[in-house]
C-alpha cells in the first residue's frame, strides 16, 4: 500500500518545491524593485534597509550612496525603469542575480538614459534578502543601422579564423547577416557603415576588409581598443 502512494507523495513534494522556488524568485524581483523605488523617492533610510553596511556596491560604499540620495538637489530627478531579464541562482541562503535595467537622470528638463547590466549578490537574513555585493556594466547605445544590398552582404559570408580553433562563421539568411563564433550562440549583425557591423547591446565591432574584387579576405574584431584579425579560410 505504501508503494502505491509513493508517486503521489513525490508529485506533491515536487509541486511544493517548485512553488517555493517560484516564490523566492518573486521575492528577489520585489526586493530589487522596492530598493529602486526608494532610490527614486529619495528615501535614503528605506533604500539602506535593503543594503548591508559593508556592501561592495560597484565601487561605492553604502555611506556614499546614502549621502548622495539624501543630498540630491531638488532640480535633479533620478530613477530606474523596471528591471528586465532577471535571472536568479540560489545556494544555501545566497542569491546571485543578473538583470538589465535603464537608469534615467533628469536635469533642468533634459533626460539622460543609461542602459546597464547588473550583477548582484543577496544574503537571506530573517525574513528578507539583503544586498551584499553589486557590479554594473554600461551597455553602449546602438548606432542606427543602415540597409545594404543583399549582394553586398553576400560578399562577407564565410569562415574567418583568428587562431586554430577560433573561427567566426558568417552566414546570410534572407537579407540578414549572422555571425557564430566558436563556442558561442549565433547573433545577427547589423551594418553601421558598408564594412562595419555590430550586434544589438554589444560594444564590439566586426570590420570586413574586402580585396580588390570586393570579396572580404579578412575580418577585424574590435573591442575596448583591441583588435584581432581573422583570415578567411575555406
C-alpha atoms as a PDB file:
ATOM      1  CA  UNK A   1       0.000   0.000   0.000  1.00  0.00           C
ATOM      2  CA  UNK A   2       2.827   2.422   0.807  1.00  0.00           C
ATOM      3  CA  UNK A   3       4.408   1.794  -2.583  1.00  0.00           C
ATOM      4  CA  UNK A   4       1.102   2.558  -4.270  1.00  0.00           C
ATOM      5  CA  UNK A   5       1.000   6.062  -2.779  1.00  0.00           C
ATOM      6  CA  UNK A   6       4.706   6.857  -3.340  1.00  0.00           C
ATOM      7  CA  UNK A   7       4.296   8.503  -6.805  1.00  0.00           C
ATOM      8  CA  UNK A   8       1.576  10.769  -5.440  1.00  0.00           C
ATOM      9  CA  UNK A   9       3.768  11.771  -2.493  1.00  0.00           C
ATOM     10  CA  UNK A  10       6.705  12.516  -4.799  1.00  0.00           C
ATOM     11  CA  UNK A  11       4.457  14.584  -7.063  1.00  0.00           C
ATOM     12  CA  UNK A  12       3.252  16.670  -4.120  1.00  0.00           C
ATOM     13  CA  UNK A  13       6.847  17.219  -2.975  1.00  0.00           C
ATOM     14  CA  UNK A  14       7.929  18.356  -6.442  1.00  0.00           C
ATOM     15  CA  UNK A  15       4.976  20.743  -6.694  1.00  0.00           C
ATOM     16  CA  UNK A  16       5.784  22.201  -3.269  1.00  0.00           C
ATOM     17  CA  UNK A  17       9.463  22.656  -4.176  1.00  0.00           C
ATOM     18  CA  UNK A  18       8.510  24.368  -7.438  1.00  0.00           C
ATOM     19  CA  UNK A  19       6.202  26.746  -5.601  1.00  0.00           C
ATOM     20  CA  UNK A  20       8.949  27.595  -3.082  1.00  0.00           C
ATOM     21  CA  UNK A  21      11.481  28.453  -5.792  1.00  0.00           C
ATOM     22  CA  UNK A  22       8.913  30.455  -7.760  1.00  0.00           C
ATOM     23  CA  UNK A  23       8.047  32.427  -4.641  1.00  0.00           C
ATOM     24  CA  UNK A  24      11.743  33.077  -3.942  1.00  0.00           C
ATOM     25  CA  UNK A  25      12.308  34.370  -7.483  1.00  0.00           C
ATOM     26  CA  UNK A  26       9.379  36.698  -6.927  1.00  0.00           C
ATOM     27  CA  UNK A  27      10.822  37.856  -3.606  1.00  0.00           C
ATOM     28  CA  UNK A  28      14.140  38.759  -5.236  1.00  0.00           C
ATOM     29  CA  UNK A  29      12.432  40.710  -8.022  1.00  0.00           C
ATOM     30  CA  UNK A  30      10.274  42.552  -5.494  1.00  0.00           C
ATOM     31  CA  UNK A  31      13.323  43.340  -3.343  1.00  0.00           C
ATOM     32  CA  UNK A  32      15.075  44.906  -6.340  1.00  0.00           C
ATOM     33  CA  UNK A  33      12.002  46.949  -7.277  1.00  0.00           C
ATOM     34  CA  UNK A  34      11.461  48.136  -3.693  1.00  0.00           C
ATOM     35  CA  UNK A  35      15.070  49.275  -3.342  1.00  0.00           C
ATOM     36  CA  UNK A  36      14.986  51.121  -6.661  1.00  0.00           C
ATOM     37  CA  UNK A  37      11.658  52.705  -5.756  1.00  0.00           C
ATOM     38  CA  UNK A  38      13.187  54.049  -2.541  1.00  0.00           C
ATOM     39  CA  UNK A  39      16.044  55.481  -4.622  1.00  0.00           C
ATOM     40  CA  UNK A  40      13.562  57.218  -6.937  1.00  0.00           C
ATOM     41  CA  UNK A  41      11.691  58.721  -3.990  1.00  0.00           C
ATOM     42  CA  UNK A  42      14.914  59.927  -2.369  1.00  0.00           C
ATOM     43  CA  UNK A  43      14.182  57.813   0.713  1.00  0.00           C
ATOM     44  CA  UNK A  44      17.723  57.075   1.896  1.00  0.00           C
ATOM     45  CA  UNK A  45      16.653  55.248   5.059  1.00  0.00           C
ATOM     46  CA  UNK A  46      14.367  52.857   3.190  1.00  0.00           C
ATOM     47  CA  UNK A  47      16.976  52.279   0.486  1.00  0.00           C
ATOM     48  CA  UNK A  48      19.527  51.482   3.179  1.00  0.00           C
ATOM     49  CA  UNK A  49      17.260  48.877   4.766  1.00  0.00           C
ATOM     50  CA  UNK A  50      17.822  46.648   1.713  1.00  0.00           C
ATOM     51  CA  UNK A  51      21.630  47.005   1.735  1.00  0.00           C
ATOM     52  CA  UNK A  52      24.304  45.568   4.024  1.00  0.00           C
ATOM     53  CA  UNK A  53      26.510  48.119   5.795  1.00  0.00           C
ATOM     54  CA  UNK A  54      29.628  46.513   4.272  1.00  0.00           C
ATOM     55  CA  UNK A  55      28.149  46.089   0.786  1.00  0.00           C
ATOM     56  CA  UNK A  56      30.626  46.056  -2.090  1.00  0.00           C
ATOM     57  CA  UNK A  57      28.406  48.331  -4.164  1.00  0.00           C
ATOM     58  CA  UNK A  58      30.023  48.819  -7.587  1.00  0.00           C
ATOM     59  CA  UNK A  59      32.985  50.819  -6.309  1.00  0.00           C
ATOM     60  CA  UNK A  60      30.993  52.898  -3.811  1.00  0.00           C
ATOM     61  CA  UNK A  61      30.272  52.422  -0.133  1.00  0.00           C
ATOM     62  CA  UNK A  62      26.790  52.284   1.309  1.00  0.00           C
ATOM     63  CA  UNK A  63      27.540  55.527   3.162  1.00  0.00           C
ATOM     64  CA  UNK A  64      28.491  57.265  -0.108  1.00  0.00           C
ATOM     65  CA  UNK A  65      25.237  56.250  -1.780  1.00  0.00           C
ATOM     66  CA  UNK A  66      23.117  57.190   1.240  1.00  0.00           C
ATOM     67  CA  UNK A  67      24.720  60.637   1.253  1.00  0.00           C
ATOM     68  CA  UNK A  68      24.114  61.085  -2.479  1.00  0.00           C
ATOM     69  CA  UNK A  69      20.439  60.127  -2.124  1.00  0.00           C
ATOM     70  CA  UNK A  70      19.879  62.393   0.875  1.00  0.00           C
ATOM     71  CA  UNK A  71      21.641  65.376  -0.731  1.00  0.00           C
ATOM     72  CA  UNK A  72      20.152  65.072  -4.214  1.00  0.00           C
ATOM     73  CA  UNK A  73      19.250  68.596  -5.454  1.00  0.00           C
ATOM     74  CA  UNK A  74      15.556  69.295  -5.939  1.00  0.00           C
ATOM     75  CA  UNK A  75      16.286  70.223  -9.573  1.00  0.00           C
ATOM     76  CA  UNK A  76      17.613  66.719 -10.277  1.00  0.00           C
ATOM     77  CA  UNK A  77      15.470  63.616 -10.678  1.00  0.00           C
ATOM     78  CA  UNK A  78      16.979  60.149 -10.836  1.00  0.00           C
ATOM     79  CA  UNK A  79      15.167  56.846 -11.247  1.00  0.00           C
ATOM     80  CA  UNK A  80      15.285  53.414 -12.847  1.00  0.00           C
ATOM     81  CA  UNK A  81      12.977  51.603 -15.219  1.00  0.00           C
ATOM     82  CA  UNK A  82      11.579  48.182 -14.460  1.00  0.00           C
ATOM     83  CA  UNK A  83      14.322  45.521 -14.299  1.00  0.00           C
ATOM     84  CA  UNK A  84      14.161  43.017 -17.130  1.00  0.00           C
ATOM     85  CA  UNK A  85      15.588  39.607 -17.973  1.00  0.00           C
ATOM     86  CA  UNK A  86      16.023  38.803 -14.266  1.00  0.00           C
ATOM     87  CA  UNK A  87      17.991  35.594 -13.733  1.00  0.00           C
ATOM     88  CA  UNK A  88      18.490  34.165 -10.241  1.00  0.00           C
ATOM     89  CA  UNK A  89      20.656  31.353  -8.874  1.00  0.00           C
ATOM     90  CA  UNK A  90      20.307  30.203  -5.255  1.00  0.00           C
ATOM     91  CA  UNK A  91      22.769  28.468  -2.962  1.00  0.00           C
ATOM     92  CA  UNK A  92      22.161  27.957   0.760  1.00  0.00           C
ATOM     93  CA  UNK A  93      20.643  31.315   1.619  1.00  0.00           C
ATOM     94  CA  UNK A  94      22.597  33.257  -1.011  1.00  0.00           C
ATOM     95  CA  UNK A  95      21.142  34.524  -4.299  1.00  0.00           C
ATOM     96  CA  UNK A  96      23.189  35.599  -7.321  1.00  0.00           C
ATOM     97  CA  UNK A  97      21.130  37.843  -9.595  1.00  0.00           C
ATOM     98  CA  UNK A  98      21.666  39.242 -13.071  1.00  0.00           C
ATOM     99  CA  UNK A  99      19.336  41.674 -14.804  1.00  0.00           C
ATOM    100  CA  UNK A 100      19.125  44.513 -17.284  1.00  0.00           C
ATOM    101  CA  UNK A 101      17.865  47.976 -16.409  1.00  0.00           C
ATOM    102  CA  UNK A 102      17.682  51.574 -17.651  1.00  0.00           C
ATOM    103  CA  UNK A 103      18.773  54.479 -15.453  1.00  0.00           C
ATOM    104  CA  UNK A 104      17.166  57.888 -16.023  1.00  0.00           C
ATOM    105  CA  UNK A 105      18.543  61.242 -14.860  1.00  0.00           C
ATOM    106  CA  UNK A 106      16.668  64.492 -15.460  1.00  0.00           C
ATOM    107  CA  UNK A 107      18.389  67.860 -15.019  1.00  0.00           C
ATOM    108  CA  UNK A 108      16.539  71.044 -15.970  1.00  0.00           C
ATOM    109  CA  UNK A 109      14.121  69.101 -18.134  1.00  0.00           C
ATOM    110  CA  UNK A 110      16.832  67.212 -20.034  1.00  0.00           C
ATOM    111  CA  UNK A 111      16.692  63.436 -19.570  1.00  0.00           C
ATOM    112  CA  UNK A 112      19.726  61.213 -19.981  1.00  0.00           C
ATOM    113  CA  UNK A 113      19.427  57.423 -20.118  1.00  0.00           C
ATOM    114  CA  UNK A 114      21.973  54.708 -19.434  1.00  0.00           C
ATOM    115  CA  UNK A 115      21.449  51.032 -20.184  1.00  0.00           C
ATOM    116  CA  UNK A 116      23.060  48.728 -17.647  1.00  0.00           C
ATOM    117  CA  UNK A 117      23.608  45.066 -16.901  1.00  0.00           C
ATOM    118  CA  UNK A 118      23.812  44.407 -13.183  1.00  0.00           C
ATOM    119  CA  UNK A 119      25.167  41.524 -11.149  1.00  0.00           C
ATOM    120  CA  UNK A 120      24.065  41.478  -7.513  1.00  0.00           C
ATOM    121  CA  UNK A 121      24.504  39.098  -4.583  1.00  0.00           C
ATOM    122  CA  UNK A 122      21.915  38.826  -1.816  1.00  0.00           C
ATOM    123  CA  UNK A 123      22.055  37.169   1.586  1.00  0.00           C
ATOM    124  CA  UNK A 124      18.935  35.886   3.318  1.00  0.00           C
ATOM    125  CA  UNK A 125      18.540  37.430   6.773  1.00  0.00           C
ATOM    126  CA  UNK A 126      15.469  36.641   8.850  1.00  0.00           C
ATOM    127  CA  UNK A 127      12.556  37.364   6.514  1.00  0.00           C
ATOM    128  CA  UNK A 128      14.268  39.416   3.796  1.00  0.00           C
ATOM    129  CA  UNK A 129      17.036  39.499   1.200  1.00  0.00           C
ATOM    130  CA  UNK A 130      19.903  41.949   1.799  1.00  0.00           C
ATOM    131  CA  UNK A 131      22.231  43.225  -0.929  1.00  0.00           C
ATOM    132  CA  UNK A 132      25.860  42.415  -0.056  1.00  0.00           C
ATOM    133  CA  UNK A 133      27.655  42.995  -3.388  1.00  0.00           C
ATOM    134  CA  UNK A 134      26.905  44.632  -6.734  1.00  0.00           C
ATOM    135  CA  UNK A 135      28.606  45.326 -10.049  1.00  0.00           C
ATOM    136  CA  UNK A 136      27.333  47.039 -13.166  1.00  0.00           C
ATOM    137  CA  UNK A 137      28.356  47.328 -16.807  1.00  0.00           C
ATOM    138  CA  UNK A 138      27.128  50.036 -19.125  1.00  0.00           C
ATOM    139  CA  UNK A 139      25.520  48.802 -22.324  1.00  0.00           C
ATOM    140  CA  UNK A 140      26.525  51.133 -25.150  1.00  0.00           C
ATOM    141  CA  UNK A 141      23.790  52.729 -27.227  1.00  0.00           C
ATOM    142  CA  UNK A 142      23.366  51.028 -30.558  1.00  0.00           C
ATOM    143  CA  UNK A 143      24.022  53.119 -33.669  1.00  0.00           C
ATOM    144  CA  UNK A 144      21.320  53.484 -36.288  1.00  0.00           C
ATOM    145  CA  UNK A 145      21.820  50.575 -38.706  1.00  0.00           C
ATOM    146  CA  UNK A 146      21.901  51.162 -42.441  1.00  0.00           C
ATOM    147  CA  UNK A 147      20.473  48.907 -45.145  1.00  0.00           C
ATOM    148  CA  UNK A 148      22.893  47.241 -47.550  1.00  0.00           C
ATOM    149  CA  UNK A 149      22.073  45.334 -50.745  1.00  0.00           C
ATOM    150  CA  UNK A 150      21.924  41.575 -50.351  1.00  0.00           C
ATOM    151  CA  UNK A 151      24.719  41.180 -52.897  1.00  0.00           C
ATOM    152  CA  UNK A 152      26.987  43.294 -50.680  1.00  0.00           C
ATOM    153  CA  UNK A 153      26.136  41.221 -47.604  1.00  0.00           C
ATOM    154  CA  UNK A 154      26.852  38.057 -49.590  1.00  0.00           C
ATOM    155  CA  UNK A 155      30.486  39.138 -50.098  1.00  0.00           C
ATOM    156  CA  UNK A 156      31.044  38.846 -46.332  1.00  0.00           C
ATOM    157  CA  UNK A 157      29.745  35.280 -45.991  1.00  0.00           C
ATOM    158  CA  UNK A 158      32.428  32.794 -44.996  1.00  0.00           C
ATOM    159  CA  UNK A 159      34.602  31.489 -42.189  1.00  0.00           C
ATOM    160  CA  UNK A 160      37.303  33.666 -40.619  1.00  0.00           C
ATOM    161  CA  UNK A 161      39.992  32.174 -38.412  1.00  0.00           C
ATOM    162  CA  UNK A 162      41.693  34.187 -35.647  1.00  0.00           C
ATOM    163  CA  UNK A 163      43.711  31.238 -34.377  1.00  0.00           C
ATOM    164  CA  UNK A 164      43.448  27.460 -34.697  1.00  0.00           C
ATOM    165  CA  UNK A 165      40.080  26.518 -33.227  1.00  0.00           C
ATOM    166  CA  UNK A 166      38.836  30.127 -33.042  1.00  0.00           C
ATOM    167  CA  UNK A 167      36.569  30.879 -36.001  1.00  0.00           C
ATOM    168  CA  UNK A 168      33.792  33.322 -36.863  1.00  0.00           C
ATOM    169  CA  UNK A 169      31.247  31.751 -39.213  1.00  0.00           C
ATOM    170  CA  UNK A 170      29.369  34.496 -41.093  1.00  0.00           C
ATOM    171  CA  UNK A 171      26.130  33.419 -42.781  1.00  0.00           C
ATOM    172  CA  UNK A 172      23.335  35.093 -44.705  1.00  0.00           C
ATOM    173  CA  UNK A 173      19.689  34.247 -44.050  1.00  0.00           C
ATOM    174  CA  UNK A 174      17.427  36.129 -46.420  1.00  0.00           C
ATOM    175  CA  UNK A 175      18.631  39.731 -46.120  1.00  0.00           C
ATOM    176  CA  UNK A 176      20.046  39.294 -42.596  1.00  0.00           C
ATOM    177  CA  UNK A 177      23.684  38.658 -41.745  1.00  0.00           C
ATOM    178  CA  UNK A 178      24.683  36.492 -38.769  1.00  0.00           C
ATOM    179  CA  UNK A 179      27.920  35.533 -37.049  1.00  0.00           C
ATOM    180  CA  UNK A 180      28.558  32.462 -34.926  1.00  0.00           C
ATOM    181  CA  UNK A 181      31.826  32.404 -33.015  1.00  0.00           C
ATOM    182  CA  UNK A 182      33.352  29.150 -31.823  1.00  0.00           C
ATOM    183  CA  UNK A 183      31.533  28.037 -28.684  1.00  0.00           C
ATOM    184  CA  UNK A 184      29.042  30.928 -28.747  1.00  0.00           C
ATOM    185  CA  UNK A 185      25.466  31.446 -29.902  1.00  0.00           C
ATOM    186  CA  UNK A 186      24.708  32.835 -33.339  1.00  0.00           C
ATOM    187  CA  UNK A 187      23.794  36.546 -33.338  1.00  0.00           C
ATOM    188  CA  UNK A 188      22.547  38.910 -36.002  1.00  0.00           C
ATOM    189  CA  UNK A 189      24.953  41.654 -37.056  1.00  0.00           C
ATOM    190  CA  UNK A 190      23.789  44.978 -38.487  1.00  0.00           C
ATOM    191  CA  UNK A 191      25.619  47.431 -40.718  1.00  0.00           C
ATOM    192  CA  UNK A 192      26.911  50.612 -39.102  1.00  0.00           C
ATOM    193  CA  UNK A 193      28.561  51.518 -42.407  1.00  0.00           C
ATOM    194  CA  UNK A 194      29.292  49.455 -45.545  1.00  0.00           C
ATOM    195  CA  UNK A 195      32.104  47.464 -43.872  1.00  0.00           C
ATOM    196  CA  UNK A 196      31.497  47.777 -40.101  1.00  0.00           C
ATOM    197  CA  UNK A 197      28.894  45.670 -38.290  1.00  0.00           C
ATOM    198  CA  UNK A 198      27.555  45.459 -34.727  1.00  0.00           C
ATOM    199  CA  UNK A 199      25.190  43.316 -32.652  1.00  0.00           C
ATOM    200  CA  UNK A 200      22.489  44.991 -30.584  1.00  0.00           C
ATOM    201  CA  UNK A 201      23.547  45.636 -26.996  1.00  0.00           C
ATOM    202  CA  UNK A 202      27.183  44.692 -27.673  1.00  0.00           C
ATOM    203  CA  UNK A 203      30.129  47.062 -27.734  1.00  0.00           C
ATOM    204  CA  UNK A 204      32.293  45.089 -30.142  1.00  0.00           C
ATOM    205  CA  UNK A 205      32.508  45.666 -33.891  1.00  0.00           C
ATOM    206  CA  UNK A 206      33.297  43.440 -36.859  1.00  0.00           C
ATOM    207  CA  UNK A 207      35.086  45.237 -39.685  1.00  0.00           C
ATOM    208  CA  UNK A 208      35.360  43.413 -43.013  1.00  0.00           C
ATOM    209  CA  UNK A 209      38.341  44.070 -45.269  1.00  0.00           C
ATOM    210  CA  UNK A 210      37.490  43.403 -48.921  1.00  0.00           C
ATOM    211  CA  UNK A 211      40.035  42.595 -51.602  1.00  0.00           C
ATOM    212  CA  UNK A 212      40.233  44.312 -54.994  1.00  0.00           C
ATOM    213  CA  UNK A 213      37.379  42.157 -56.298  1.00  0.00           C
ATOM    214  CA  UNK A 214      35.127  43.226 -53.419  1.00  0.00           C
ATOM    215  CA  UNK A 215      35.081  39.930 -51.510  1.00  0.00           C
ATOM    216  CA  UNK A 216      36.135  40.104 -47.859  1.00  0.00           C
ATOM    217  CA  UNK A 217      39.513  38.485 -47.237  1.00  0.00           C
ATOM    218  CA  UNK A 218      39.753  39.433 -43.550  1.00  0.00           C
ATOM    219  CA  UNK A 219      37.566  40.462 -40.641  1.00  0.00           C
ATOM    220  CA  UNK A 220      38.769  42.571 -37.712  1.00  0.00           C
ATOM    221  CA  UNK A 221      37.190  42.096 -34.287  1.00  0.00           C
ATOM    222  CA  UNK A 222      37.402  45.362 -32.304  1.00  0.00           C
ATOM    223  CA  UNK A 223      36.585  45.782 -28.628  1.00  0.00           C
ATOM    224  CA  UNK A 224      37.838  48.205 -25.968  1.00  0.00           C
ATOM    225  CA  UNK A 225      40.740  49.405 -28.095  1.00  0.00           C
ATOM    226  CA  UNK A 226      41.941  45.927 -29.014  1.00  0.00           C
ATOM    227  CA  UNK A 227      41.913  44.330 -32.458  1.00  0.00           C
ATOM    228  CA  UNK A 228      42.053  40.713 -33.578  1.00  0.00           C
ATOM    229  CA  UNK A 229      42.336  39.838 -37.259  1.00  0.00           C
ATOM    230  CA  UNK A 230      40.633  36.798 -38.719  1.00  0.00           C
ATOM    231  CA  UNK A 231      41.708  35.419 -42.091  1.00  0.00           C
ATOM    232  CA  UNK A 232      39.151  33.929 -44.462  1.00  0.00           C
ATOM    233  CA  UNK A 233      39.518  30.147 -44.638  1.00  0.00           C
ATOM    234  CA  UNK A 234      37.871  27.571 -46.931  1.00  0.00           C
END
